[in-house]
Amino acid sequence: MSDVKLEYDERADAIYVPMATAEWHHQVNLDDRRILDYNENGLLIGIELLGVSNGIDVEGLPETTLLAKALTELGIAILQPA
């Protein structure tokens, strides 16, 4: 992935990062603010980030460096892991 595309919903205070075009099958909650969406074959198709106005911990997310850069460009703080 050379460029990160973010879909920002200001009203919901959420960002969706599409990773692949495929039908959603299930999700894995990394915590209550970071969710990974997968298709039926286990391919990561998207990343849901909630409560983004409070900052986001990108540790453990795919494409960490690119994602952090894109979030910073939107004015979203990158939190350090606890």
Protein backbone atom coordinates (compact mmCIF):
# COMPACT_ATOMS: atom_id res chain seq x y z
CA MET A 1 0.00 0.00 0.00
CA SER A 2 1.67 3.19 -1.14
CA ASP A 3 -1.08 5.66 -0.27
CA VAL A 4 -3.58 5.54 2.57
CA LYS A 5 -7.15 6.53 1.77
CA LEU A 6 -9.17 7.65 4.78
CA GLU A 7 -12.92 8.11 4.99
CA TYR A 8 -13.53 10.58 7.83
CA ASP A 9 -17.00 10.97 9.37
CA GLU A 10 -16.81 14.02 11.60
CA ARG A 11 -20.31 13.51 13.08
CA ALA A 12 -19.49 9.94 14.11
CA ASP A 13 -15.94 10.93 15.13
CA ALA A 14 -14.72 7.94 13.14
CA ILE A 15 -12.38 7.07 10.30
CA TYR A 16 -12.60 4.09 7.97
CA VAL A 17 -9.51 2.95 6.10
CA PRO A 18 -10.42 0.68 3.17
CA MET A 19 -7.68 -1.88 2.52
CA ALA A 20 -9.28 -4.08 -0.17
CA THR A 21 -12.52 -4.35 -2.09
CA ALA A 22 -14.36 -7.42 -0.86
CA GLU A 23 -17.52 -8.37 0.99
CA TRP A 24 -17.40 -8.00 4.78
CA HIS A 25 -17.56 -11.25 6.73
CA HIS A 26 -16.34 -10.59 10.28
CA GLN A 27 -14.42 -8.20 12.45
CA VAL A 28 -11.81 -8.36 15.18
CA ASN A 29 -11.90 -5.73 17.90
CA LEU A 30 -8.37 -4.81 18.93
CA ASP A 31 -9.96 -2.64 21.61
CA ASP A 32 -13.12 -0.51 21.85
CA ARG A 33 -11.73 2.09 19.41
CA ARG A 34 -9.88 0.00 16.79
CA ILE A 35 -11.60 -2.66 14.67
CA LEU A 36 -10.27 -4.76 11.80
CA ASP A 37 -12.73 -5.94 9.10
CA TYR A 38 -12.08 -9.16 7.15
CA ASN A 39 -13.64 -11.03 4.24
CA GLU A 40 -14.57 -14.72 4.46
CA ASN A 41 -11.02 -15.77 3.43
CA GLY A 42 -9.36 -13.75 6.21
CA LEU A 43 -8.21 -10.89 3.96
CA LEU A 44 -8.09 -7.56 5.79
CA ILE A 45 -10.55 -5.28 3.99
CA GLY A 46 -10.73 -2.31 6.31
CA ILE A 47 -9.77 -0.62 9.55
CA GLU A 48 -12.36 1.20 11.67
CA LEU A 49 -11.07 3.87 14.06
CA LEU A 50 -13.53 5.31 16.60
CA GLY A 51 -13.29 8.37 18.84
CA VAL A 52 -10.56 9.80 16.65
CA SER A 53 -10.80 13.33 18.06
CA ASN A 54 -9.17 11.93 21.22
CA GLY A 55 -6.22 10.58 19.20
CA ILE A 56 -5.45 7.07 17.97
CA ASP A 57 -2.93 4.43 18.99
CA VAL A 58 -1.61 3.01 15.70
CA GLU A 59 0.58 0.37 17.38
CA GLY A 60 -0.36 -3.05 16.04
CA LEU A 61 -2.29 -1.71 13.05
CA PRO A 62 -1.31 -2.62 9.48
CA GLU A 63 0.74 -0.02 7.57
CA THR A 64 1.51 1.78 10.85
CA THR A 65 3.86 4.41 9.42
CA LEU A 66 1.66 5.35 6.46
CA LEU A 67 -1.46 5.34 8.62
CA ALA A 68 0.15 7.56 11.26
CA LYS A 69 1.27 10.03 8.58
CA ALA A 70 -2.22 10.20 7.02
CA LEU A 71 -3.89 10.66 10.41
CA THR A 72 -1.42 13.38 11.39
CA GLU A 73 -2.16 15.22 8.13
CA LEU A 74 -5.84 15.23 9.18
CA GLY A 75 -4.90 16.70 12.55
CA ILE A 76 -5.52 13.45 14.45
CA ALA A 77 -3.09 12.92 17.35
CA ILE A 78 -1.08 9.72 17.42
CA LEU A 79 -1.15 8.26 20.93
CA GLN A 80 1.73 6.35 22.43
CA PRO A 81 0.87 2.88 23.74
CA ALA A 82 0.32 2.69 27.49
